[in-house]
């Protein structure tokens, strides 16, 4: 692994649009190096035969019956419209 130096830390901060004072660049470079070292350690773990997981707790979302539970208010909704035609809101043309 190559070390992240102050110049690379400065570039990362600039690309991230994070204002990092010059005095904090050594700490940022050190933090980035520790993160990369940890990622390399994770790459060494044998995950052969391990199924990917979507959550740390085995749970299933509760499901509800898919059906219309509300509606048939078209007349009430359109009564608030300044201009309604044929069951729809009518709006002025904005593109020519």
PDB file of N, CA and C in Angstrom:
ATOM      1  N   UNK A   1       0.847  -1.187   0.000  1.00  0.00           N
ATOM      2  CA  UNK A   1       0.000   0.000   0.000  1.00  0.00           C
ATOM      3  C   UNK A   1       0.883   1.236   0.000  1.00  0.00           C
ATOM      4  N   UNK A   2       0.497   2.233  -0.747  1.00  0.00           N
ATOM      5  CA  UNK A   2       1.261   3.476  -0.755  1.00  0.00           C
ATOM      6  C   UNK A   2       0.703   4.411   0.311  1.00  0.00           C
ATOM      7  N   UNK A   3       1.609   5.141   0.936  1.00  0.00           N
ATOM      8  CA  UNK A   3       1.226   6.097   1.972  1.00  0.00           C
ATOM      9  C   UNK A   3       0.525   7.298   1.364  1.00  0.00           C
ATOM     10  N   UNK A   4      -0.451   7.794   2.062  1.00  0.00           N
ATOM     11  CA  UNK A   4      -1.097   9.039   1.641  1.00  0.00           C
ATOM     12  C   UNK A   4      -0.318  10.176   2.287  1.00  0.00           C
ATOM     13  N   UNK A   5       0.212  11.056   1.459  1.00  0.00           N
ATOM     14  CA  UNK A   5       0.995  12.173   1.970  1.00  0.00           C
ATOM     15  C   UNK A   5       0.116  13.420   2.104  1.00  0.00           C
ATOM     16  N   UNK A   6       0.762  14.503   2.541  1.00  0.00           N
ATOM     17  CA  UNK A   6       0.009  15.745   2.774  1.00  0.00           C
ATOM     18  C   UNK A   6      -0.610  16.270   1.483  1.00  0.00           C
ATOM     19  N   UNK A   7       0.117  16.144   0.382  1.00  0.00           N
ATOM     20  CA  UNK A   7      -0.391  16.663  -0.892  1.00  0.00           C
ATOM     21  C   UNK A   7      -1.637  15.892  -1.333  1.00  0.00           C
ATOM     22  N   UNK A   8      -1.611  14.562  -1.162  1.00  0.00           N
ATOM     23  CA  UNK A   8      -2.776  13.754  -1.522  1.00  0.00           C
ATOM     24  C   UNK A   8      -3.951  14.084  -0.603  1.00  0.00           C
ATOM     25  N   UNK A   9      -3.674  14.285   0.687  1.00  0.00           N
ATOM     26  CA  UNK A   9      -4.736  14.671   1.626  1.00  0.00           C
ATOM     27  C   UNK A   9      -5.338  16.013   1.224  1.00  0.00           C
ATOM     28  N   UNK A  10      -4.495  16.936   0.759  1.00  0.00           N
ATOM     29  CA  UNK A  10      -4.980  18.242   0.307  1.00  0.00           C
ATOM     30  C   UNK A  10      -5.898  18.069  -0.906  1.00  0.00           C
ATOM     31  N   UNK A  11      -5.504  17.199  -1.841  1.00  0.00           N
ATOM     32  CA  UNK A  11      -6.330  16.945  -3.029  1.00  0.00           C
ATOM     33  C   UNK A  11      -7.659  16.311  -2.657  1.00  0.00           C
ATOM     34  N   UNK A  12      -7.629  15.346  -1.728  1.00  0.00           N
ATOM     35  CA  UNK A  12      -8.868  14.694  -1.291  1.00  0.00           C
ATOM     36  C   UNK A  12      -9.802  15.721  -0.658  1.00  0.00           C
ATOM     37  N   UNK A  13      -9.253  16.585   0.180  1.00  0.00           N
ATOM     38  CA  UNK A  13     -10.077  17.621   0.818  1.00  0.00           C
ATOM     39  C   UNK A  13     -10.672  18.554  -0.223  1.00  0.00           C
ATOM     40  N   UNK A  14      -9.861  18.925  -1.222  1.00  0.00           N
ATOM     41  CA  UNK A  14     -10.360  19.834  -2.255  1.00  0.00           C
ATOM     42  C   UNK A  14     -11.459  19.167  -3.076  1.00  0.00           C
ATOM     43  N   UNK A  15     -11.240  17.899  -3.475  1.00  0.00           N
ATOM     44  CA  UNK A  15     -12.253  17.191  -4.254  1.00  0.00           C
ATOM     45  C   UNK A  15     -13.530  16.972  -3.449  1.00  0.00           C
ATOM     46  N   UNK A  16     -13.387  16.835  -2.130  1.00  0.00           N
ATOM     47  CA  UNK A  16     -14.554  16.649  -1.254  1.00  0.00           C
ATOM     48  C   UNK A  16     -15.209  17.969  -0.889  1.00  0.00           C
ATOM     49  N   UNK A  17     -14.582  19.055  -1.319  1.00  0.00           N
ATOM     50  CA  UNK A  17     -15.055  20.399  -0.997  1.00  0.00           C
ATOM     51  C   UNK A  17     -15.147  20.613   0.516  1.00  0.00           C
ATOM     52  N   UNK A  18     -14.073  20.157   1.197  1.00  0.00           N
ATOM     53  CA  UNK A  18     -13.964  20.321   2.641  1.00  0.00           C
ATOM     54  C   UNK A  18     -12.802  21.264   2.910  1.00  0.00           C
ATOM     55  N   UNK A  19     -13.047  22.317   3.638  1.00  0.00           N
ATOM     56  CA  UNK A  19     -11.982  23.257   3.983  1.00  0.00           C
ATOM     57  C   UNK A  19     -11.166  22.668   5.123  1.00  0.00           C
ATOM     58  N   UNK A  20      -9.912  22.327   4.832  1.00  0.00           N
ATOM     59  CA  UNK A  20      -9.023  21.762   5.841  1.00  0.00           C
ATOM     60  C   UNK A  20      -7.835  22.706   5.996  1.00  0.00           C
ATOM     61  N   UNK A  21      -7.653  23.253   7.187  1.00  0.00           N
ATOM     62  CA  UNK A  21      -6.497  24.128   7.400  1.00  0.00           C
ATOM     63  C   UNK A  21      -5.194  23.359   7.181  1.00  0.00           C
ATOM     64  N   UNK A  22      -4.175  24.080   6.772  1.00  0.00           N
ATOM     65  CA  UNK A  22      -2.866  23.472   6.495  1.00  0.00           C
ATOM     66  C   UNK A  22      -2.353  22.694   7.706  1.00  0.00           C
ATOM     67  N   UNK A  23      -2.631  23.185   8.902  1.00  0.00           N
ATOM     68  CA  UNK A  23      -2.138  22.525  10.108  1.00  0.00           C
ATOM     69  C   UNK A  23      -2.841  21.191  10.376  1.00  0.00           C
ATOM     70  N   UNK A  24      -4.017  20.978   9.794  1.00  0.00           N
ATOM     71  CA  UNK A  24      -4.754  19.734  10.008  1.00  0.00           C
ATOM     72  C   UNK A  24      -4.471  18.671   8.945  1.00  0.00           C
ATOM     73  N   UNK A  25      -3.708  19.010   7.907  1.00  0.00           N
ATOM     74  CA  UNK A  25      -3.420  18.050   6.840  1.00  0.00           C
ATOM     75  C   UNK A  25      -2.663  16.815   7.325  1.00  0.00           C
ATOM     76  N   UNK A  26      -1.679  16.937   8.246  1.00  0.00           N
ATOM     77  CA  UNK A  26      -1.019  15.715   8.719  1.00  0.00           C
ATOM     78  C   UNK A  26      -1.993  14.757   9.408  1.00  0.00           C
ATOM     79  N   UNK A  27      -2.903  15.283  10.194  1.00  0.00           N
ATOM     80  CA  UNK A  27      -3.898  14.436  10.861  1.00  0.00           C
ATOM     81  C   UNK A  27      -4.838  13.779   9.865  1.00  0.00           C
ATOM     82  N   UNK A  28      -5.252  14.537   8.834  1.00  0.00           N
ATOM     83  CA  UNK A  28      -6.123  13.985   7.810  1.00  0.00           C
ATOM     84  C   UNK A  28      -5.414  12.872   7.058  1.00  0.00           C
ATOM     85  N   UNK A  29      -4.146  13.092   6.703  1.00  0.00           N
ATOM     86  CA  UNK A  29      -3.380  12.063   6.002  1.00  0.00           C
ATOM     87  C   UNK A  29      -3.254  10.812   6.872  1.00  0.00           C
ATOM     88  N   UNK A  30      -3.019  10.997   8.155  1.00  0.00           N
ATOM     89  CA  UNK A  30      -2.911   9.859   9.080  1.00  0.00           C
ATOM     90  C   UNK A  30      -4.231   9.102   9.156  1.00  0.00           C
ATOM     91  N   UNK A  31      -5.345   9.821   9.266  1.00  0.00           N
ATOM     92  CA  UNK A  31      -6.657   9.174   9.327  1.00  0.00           C
ATOM     93  C   UNK A  31      -6.950   8.386   8.052  1.00  0.00           C
ATOM     94  N   UNK A  32      -6.638   8.981   6.907  1.00  0.00           N
ATOM     95  CA  UNK A  32      -6.879   8.289   5.638  1.00  0.00           C
ATOM     96  C   UNK A  32      -6.020   7.032   5.533  1.00  0.00           C
ATOM     97  N   UNK A  33      -4.780   7.109   6.005  1.00  0.00           N
ATOM     98  CA  UNK A  33      -3.909   5.924   6.001  1.00  0.00           C
ATOM     99  C   UNK A  33      -4.462   4.828   6.904  1.00  0.00           C
ATOM    100  N   UNK A  34      -4.997   5.194   8.068  1.00  0.00           N
ATOM    101  CA  UNK A  34      -5.583   4.191   8.971  1.00  0.00           C
ATOM    102  C   UNK A  34      -6.814   3.548   8.341  1.00  0.00           C
ATOM    103  N   UNK A  35      -7.617   4.332   7.640  1.00  0.00           N
ATOM    104  CA  UNK A  35      -8.799   3.782   6.972  1.00  0.00           C
ATOM    105  C   UNK A  35      -8.387   2.791   5.895  1.00  0.00           C
ATOM    106  N   UNK A  36      -7.397   3.148   5.094  1.00  0.00           N
ATOM    107  CA  UNK A  36      -6.935   2.242   4.034  1.00  0.00           C
ATOM    108  C   UNK A  36      -6.321   0.977   4.605  1.00  0.00           C
ATOM    109  N   UNK A  37      -5.591   1.095   5.712  1.00  0.00           N
ATOM    110  CA  UNK A  37      -5.024  -0.091   6.360  1.00  0.00           C
ATOM    111  C   UNK A  37      -6.133  -1.020   6.832  1.00  0.00           C
ATOM    112  N   UNK A  38      -7.177  -0.457   7.425  1.00  0.00           N
ATOM    113  CA  UNK A  38      -8.301  -1.277   7.887  1.00  0.00           C
ATOM    114  C   UNK A  38      -8.997  -1.949   6.712  1.00  0.00           C
ATOM    115  N   UNK A  39      -9.148  -1.246   5.597  1.00  0.00           N
ATOM    116  CA  UNK A  39      -9.777  -1.846   4.424  1.00  0.00           C
ATOM    117  C   UNK A  39      -8.942  -3.004   3.892  1.00  0.00           C
ATOM    118  N   UNK A  40      -7.633  -2.876   3.934  1.00  0.00           N
ATOM    119  CA  UNK A  40      -6.768  -3.977   3.504  1.00  0.00           C
ATOM    120  C   UNK A  40      -6.910  -5.181   4.424  1.00  0.00           C
ATOM    121  N   UNK A  41      -7.067  -4.933   5.721  1.00  0.00           N
ATOM    122  CA  UNK A  41      -7.289  -6.030   6.671  1.00  0.00           C
ATOM    123  C   UNK A  41      -8.605  -6.742   6.364  1.00  0.00           C
ATOM    124  N   UNK A  42      -9.636  -5.977   6.010  1.00  0.00           N
ATOM    125  CA  UNK A  42     -10.925  -6.583   5.675  1.00  0.00           C
ATOM    126  C   UNK A  42     -10.815  -7.449   4.431  1.00  0.00           C
ATOM    127  N   UNK A  43      -9.971  -7.052   3.472  1.00  0.00           N
ATOM    128  CA  UNK A  43      -9.797  -7.836   2.255  1.00  0.00           C
ATOM    129  C   UNK A  43      -9.153  -9.188   2.522  1.00  0.00           C
ATOM    130  N   UNK A  44      -8.480  -9.343   3.656  1.00  0.00           N
ATOM    131  CA  UNK A  44      -7.817 -10.601   3.998  1.00  0.00           C
ATOM    132  C   UNK A  44      -8.785 -11.626   4.584  1.00  0.00           C
ATOM    133  N   UNK A  45      -9.967 -11.219   4.974  1.00  0.00           N
ATOM    134  CA  UNK A  45     -10.934 -12.123   5.590  1.00  0.00           C
ATOM    135  C   UNK A  45     -11.486 -13.073   4.538  1.00  0.00           C
ATOM    136  N   UNK A  46     -11.519 -14.373   4.883  1.00  0.00           N
ATOM    137  CA  UNK A  46     -12.061 -15.383   3.968  1.00  0.00           C
ATOM    138  C   UNK A  46     -13.585 -15.383   4.078  1.00  0.00           C
ATOM    139  N   UNK A  47     -14.260 -15.008   3.002  1.00  0.00           N
ATOM    140  CA  UNK A  47     -15.719 -14.952   2.997  1.00  0.00           C
ATOM    141  C   UNK A  47     -16.307 -15.992   2.037  1.00  0.00           C
ATOM    142  N   UNK A  48     -15.515 -16.965   1.674  1.00  0.00           N
ATOM    143  CA  UNK A  48     -15.983 -18.014   0.762  1.00  0.00           C
ATOM    144  C   UNK A  48     -17.153 -18.756   1.395  1.00  0.00           C
ATOM    145  N   UNK A  49     -18.252 -18.839   0.694  1.00  0.00           N
ATOM    146  CA  UNK A  49     -19.429 -19.563   1.172  1.00  0.00           C
ATOM    147  C   UNK A  49     -20.305 -18.781   2.128  1.00  0.00           C
ATOM    148  N   UNK A  50     -19.984 -17.535   2.399  1.00  0.00           N
ATOM    149  CA  UNK A  50     -20.794 -16.720   3.302  1.00  0.00           C
ATOM    150  C   UNK A  50     -21.777 -15.924   2.455  1.00  0.00           C
ATOM    151  N   UNK A  51     -23.052 -16.095   2.748  1.00  0.00           N
ATOM    152  CA  UNK A  51     -24.083 -15.392   1.982  1.00  0.00           C
ATOM    153  C   UNK A  51     -24.099 -13.917   2.367  1.00  0.00           C
ATOM    154  N   UNK A  52     -24.284 -13.028   1.402  1.00  0.00           N
ATOM    155  CA  UNK A  52     -24.374 -11.606   1.738  1.00  0.00           C
ATOM    156  C   UNK A  52     -25.607 -11.342   2.587  1.00  0.00           C
ATOM    157  N   UNK A  53     -25.495 -10.370   3.471  1.00  0.00           N
ATOM    158  CA  UNK A  53     -26.635 -10.058   4.329  1.00  0.00           C
ATOM    159  C   UNK A  53     -27.068  -8.623   4.114  1.00  0.00           C
ATOM    160  N   UNK A  54     -28.336  -8.387   4.309  1.00  0.00           N
ATOM    161  CA  UNK A  54     -28.869  -7.049   4.134  1.00  0.00           C
ATOM    162  C   UNK A  54     -29.087  -6.352   5.462  1.00  0.00           C
ATOM    163  N   UNK A  55     -29.026  -7.109   6.552  1.00  0.00           N
ATOM    164  CA  UNK A  55     -29.231  -6.541   7.875  1.00  0.00           C
ATOM    165  C   UNK A  55     -28.498  -7.402   8.886  1.00  0.00           C
ATOM    166  N   UNK A  56     -28.181  -6.830  10.033  1.00  0.00           N
ATOM    167  CA  UNK A  56     -27.513  -7.609  11.072  1.00  0.00           C
ATOM    168  C   UNK A  56     -28.514  -8.395  11.908  1.00  0.00           C
ATOM    169  N   UNK A  57     -29.782  -8.085  11.775  1.00  0.00           N
ATOM    170  CA  UNK A  57     -30.806  -8.831  12.503  1.00  0.00           C
ATOM    171  C   UNK A  57     -31.705  -9.546  11.507  1.00  0.00           C
ATOM    172  N   UNK A  58     -31.965 -10.820  11.751  1.00  0.00           N
ATOM    173  CA  UNK A  58     -32.848 -11.540  10.820  1.00  0.00           C
ATOM    174  C   UNK A  58     -34.299 -11.138  11.039  1.00  0.00           C
ATOM    175  N   UNK A  59     -34.810 -10.294  10.206  1.00  0.00           N
ATOM    176  CA  UNK A  59     -36.204  -9.863  10.346  1.00  0.00           C
ATOM    177  C   UNK A  59     -36.842  -9.795   8.972  1.00  0.00           C
ATOM    178  N   UNK A  60     -38.116  -9.900   8.981  1.00  0.00           N
ATOM    179  CA  UNK A  60     -38.879  -9.816   7.749  1.00  0.00           C
ATOM    180  C   UNK A  60     -39.874  -8.679   7.899  1.00  0.00           C
ATOM    181  N   UNK A  61     -40.005  -7.884   6.865  1.00  0.00           N
ATOM    182  CA  UNK A  61     -40.946  -6.772   6.913  1.00  0.00           C
ATOM    183  C   UNK A  61     -42.372  -7.298   6.942  1.00  0.00           C
ATOM    184  N   UNK A  62     -43.194  -6.652   7.734  1.00  0.00           N
ATOM    185  CA  UNK A  62     -44.594  -7.040   7.753  1.00  0.00           C
ATOM    186  C   UNK A  62     -45.236  -6.562   6.463  1.00  0.00           C
ATOM    187  N   UNK A  63     -46.079  -7.381   5.940  1.00  0.00           N
ATOM    188  CA  UNK A  63     -46.734  -7.043   4.677  1.00  0.00           C
ATOM    189  C   UNK A  63     -48.220  -6.859   4.901  1.00  0.00           C
ATOM    190  N   UNK A  64     -48.784  -5.993   4.120  1.00  0.00           N
ATOM    191  CA  UNK A  64     -50.217  -5.784   4.203  1.00  0.00           C
ATOM    192  C   UNK A  64     -50.835  -6.176   2.870  1.00  0.00           C
ATOM    193  N   UNK A  65     -52.118  -6.408   2.912  1.00  0.00           N
ATOM    194  CA  UNK A  65     -52.833  -6.748   1.700  1.00  0.00           C
ATOM    195  C   UNK A  65     -52.800  -5.541   0.759  1.00  0.00           C
ATOM    196  N   UNK A  66     -52.509  -5.795  -0.482  1.00  0.00           N
ATOM    197  CA  UNK A  66     -52.452  -4.730  -1.464  1.00  0.00           C
ATOM    198  C   UNK A  66     -53.854  -4.516  -2.022  1.00  0.00           C
ATOM    199  N   UNK A  67     -54.481  -3.472  -1.554  1.00  0.00           N
ATOM    200  CA  UNK A  67     -55.833  -3.179  -2.016  1.00  0.00           C
ATOM    201  C   UNK A  67     -56.137  -1.710  -1.841  1.00  0.00           C
ATOM    202  N   UNK A  68     -57.106  -1.240  -2.553  1.00  0.00           N
ATOM    203  CA  UNK A  68     -57.508   0.159  -2.453  1.00  0.00           C
ATOM    204  C   UNK A  68     -58.229   0.351  -1.133  1.00  0.00           C
ATOM    205  N   UNK A  69     -57.716   1.246  -0.316  1.00  0.00           N
ATOM    206  CA  UNK A  69     -58.335   1.494   0.986  1.00  0.00           C
ATOM    207  C   UNK A  69     -58.945   2.876   1.073  1.00  0.00           C
ATOM    208  N   UNK A  70     -58.687   3.689   0.076  1.00  0.00           N
ATOM    209  CA  UNK A  70     -59.181   5.050   0.111  1.00  0.00           C
ATOM    210  C   UNK A  70     -59.351   5.505  -1.336  1.00  0.00           C
ATOM    211  N   UNK A  71     -60.094   6.497  -1.529  1.00  0.00           N
ATOM    212  CA  UNK A  71     -60.223   7.017  -2.881  1.00  0.00           C
ATOM    213  C   UNK A  71     -61.644   7.411  -3.205  1.00  0.00           C
ATOM    214  N   UNK A  72     -61.900   7.567  -4.469  1.00  0.00           N
ATOM    215  CA  UNK A  72     -63.195   7.969  -4.981  1.00  0.00           C
ATOM    216  C   UNK A  72     -63.591   9.344  -4.450  1.00  0.00           C
ATOM    217  N   UNK A  73     -62.558  10.237  -4.375  1.00  0.00           N
ATOM    218  CA  UNK A  73     -62.789  11.605  -3.928  1.00  0.00           C
ATOM    219  C   UNK A  73     -62.546  12.597  -5.053  1.00  0.00           C
ATOM    220  N   UNK A  74     -62.605  12.153  -6.271  1.00  0.00           N
ATOM    221  CA  UNK A  74     -62.251  13.015  -7.392  1.00  0.00           C
ATOM    222  C   UNK A  74     -63.062  14.303  -7.401  1.00  0.00           C
ATOM    223  N   UNK A  75     -64.349  14.208  -7.171  1.00  0.00           N
ATOM    224  CA  UNK A  75     -65.195  15.408  -7.200  1.00  0.00           C
ATOM    225  C   UNK A  75     -64.793  16.396  -6.099  1.00  0.00           C
ATOM    226  N   UNK A  76     -64.495  15.898  -4.889  1.00  0.00           N
ATOM    227  CA  UNK A  76     -64.093  16.771  -3.789  1.00  0.00           C
ATOM    228  C   UNK A  76     -62.759  17.443  -4.087  1.00  0.00           C
ATOM    229  N   UNK A  77     -61.840  16.681  -4.632  1.00  0.00           N
ATOM    230  CA  UNK A  77     -60.516  17.223  -4.921  1.00  0.00           C
ATOM    231  C   UNK A  77     -60.604  18.281  -6.024  1.00  0.00           C
ATOM    232  N   UNK A  78     -61.310  17.968  -7.077  1.00  0.00           N
ATOM    233  CA  UNK A  78     -61.405  18.908  -8.195  1.00  0.00           C
ATOM    234  C   UNK A  78     -62.237  20.136  -7.862  1.00  0.00           C
ATOM    235  N   UNK A  79     -63.035  20.088  -6.799  1.00  0.00           N
ATOM    236  CA  UNK A  79     -63.824  21.263  -6.426  1.00  0.00           C
ATOM    237  C   UNK A  79     -62.914  22.400  -5.956  1.00  0.00           C
ATOM    238  N   UNK A  80     -61.690  22.089  -5.530  1.00  0.00           N
ATOM    239  CA  UNK A  80     -60.728  23.119  -5.109  1.00  0.00           C
ATOM    240  C   UNK A  80     -59.936  23.688  -6.277  1.00  0.00           C
ATOM    241  N   UNK A  81     -60.011  23.075  -7.426  1.00  0.00           N
ATOM    242  CA  UNK A  81     -59.202  23.510  -8.573  1.00  0.00           C
ATOM    243  C   UNK A  81     -59.801  24.753  -9.200  1.00  0.00           C
ATOM    244  N   UNK A  82     -58.954  25.714  -9.573  1.00  0.00           N
ATOM    245  CA  UNK A  82     -59.475  26.897 -10.244  1.00  0.00           C
ATOM    246  C   UNK A  82     -60.016  26.568 -11.633  1.00  0.00           C
ATOM    247  N   UNK A  83     -59.475  25.506 -12.268  1.00  0.00           N
ATOM    248  CA  UNK A  83     -59.937  25.111 -13.590  1.00  0.00           C
ATOM    249  C   UNK A  83     -59.798  23.595 -13.709  1.00  0.00           C
ATOM    250  N   UNK A  84     -60.920  22.909 -13.824  1.00  0.00           N
ATOM    251  CA  UNK A  84     -60.899  21.455 -13.980  1.00  0.00           C
ATOM    252  C   UNK A  84     -61.743  21.103 -15.195  1.00  0.00           C
ATOM    253  N   UNK A  85     -61.197  20.181 -15.992  1.00  0.00           N
ATOM    254  CA  UNK A  85     -61.917  19.757 -17.196  1.00  0.00           C
ATOM    255  C   UNK A  85     -61.827  18.255 -17.340  1.00  0.00           C
ATOM    256  N   UNK A  86     -62.946  17.635 -17.627  1.00  0.00           N
ATOM    257  CA  UNK A  86     -63.031  16.200 -17.894  1.00  0.00           C
ATOM    258  C   UNK A  86     -62.389  15.355 -16.804  1.00  0.00           C
ATOM    259  N   UNK A  87     -62.535  15.789 -15.551  1.00  0.00           N
ATOM    260  CA  UNK A  87     -62.022  15.008 -14.435  1.00  0.00           C
ATOM    261  C   UNK A  87     -60.551  15.213 -14.133  1.00  0.00           C
ATOM    262  N   UNK A  88     -59.922  16.252 -14.691  1.00  0.00           N
ATOM    263  CA  UNK A  88     -58.496  16.515 -14.473  1.00  0.00           C
ATOM    264  C   UNK A  88     -58.296  17.983 -14.134  1.00  0.00           C
ATOM    265  N   UNK A  89     -57.142  18.278 -13.501  1.00  0.00           N
ATOM    266  CA  UNK A  89     -56.753  19.676 -13.296  1.00  0.00           C
ATOM    267  C   UNK A  89     -56.348  20.240 -14.636  1.00  0.00           C
ATOM    268  N   UNK A  90     -56.812  21.429 -14.959  1.00  0.00           N
ATOM    269  CA  UNK A  90     -56.420  22.103 -16.197  1.00  0.00           C
ATOM    270  C   UNK A  90     -55.439  23.213 -15.823  1.00  0.00           C
ATOM    271  N   UNK A  91     -54.310  23.214 -16.522  1.00  0.00           N
ATOM    272  CA  UNK A  91     -53.276  24.208 -16.253  1.00  0.00           C
ATOM    273  C   UNK A  91     -52.916  24.901 -17.546  1.00  0.00           C
ATOM    274  N   UNK A  92     -52.432  26.140 -17.457  1.00  0.00           N
ATOM    275  CA  UNK A  92     -52.062  26.843 -18.690  1.00  0.00           C
ATOM    276  C   UNK A  92     -50.812  26.223 -19.323  1.00  0.00           C
ATOM    277  N   UNK A  93     -50.740  26.340 -20.619  1.00  0.00           N
ATOM    278  CA  UNK A  93     -49.591  25.833 -21.341  1.00  0.00           C
ATOM    279  C   UNK A  93     -48.378  26.690 -20.998  1.00  0.00           C
ATOM    280  N   UNK A  94     -47.260  26.035 -20.634  1.00  0.00           N
ATOM    281  CA  UNK A  94     -46.064  26.794 -20.245  1.00  0.00           C
ATOM    282  C   UNK A  94     -44.934  26.625 -21.242  1.00  0.00           C
ATOM    283  N   UNK A  95     -45.030  25.698 -22.181  1.00  0.00           N
ATOM    284  CA  UNK A  95     -43.985  25.478 -23.166  1.00  0.00           C
ATOM    285  C   UNK A  95     -44.566  25.807 -24.529  1.00  0.00           C
ATOM    286  N   UNK A  96     -43.836  26.570 -25.313  1.00  0.00           N
ATOM    287  CA  UNK A  96     -44.326  26.935 -26.621  1.00  0.00           C
ATOM    288  C   UNK A  96     -43.576  26.191 -27.691  1.00  0.00           C
TER     289      UNK A  96
END
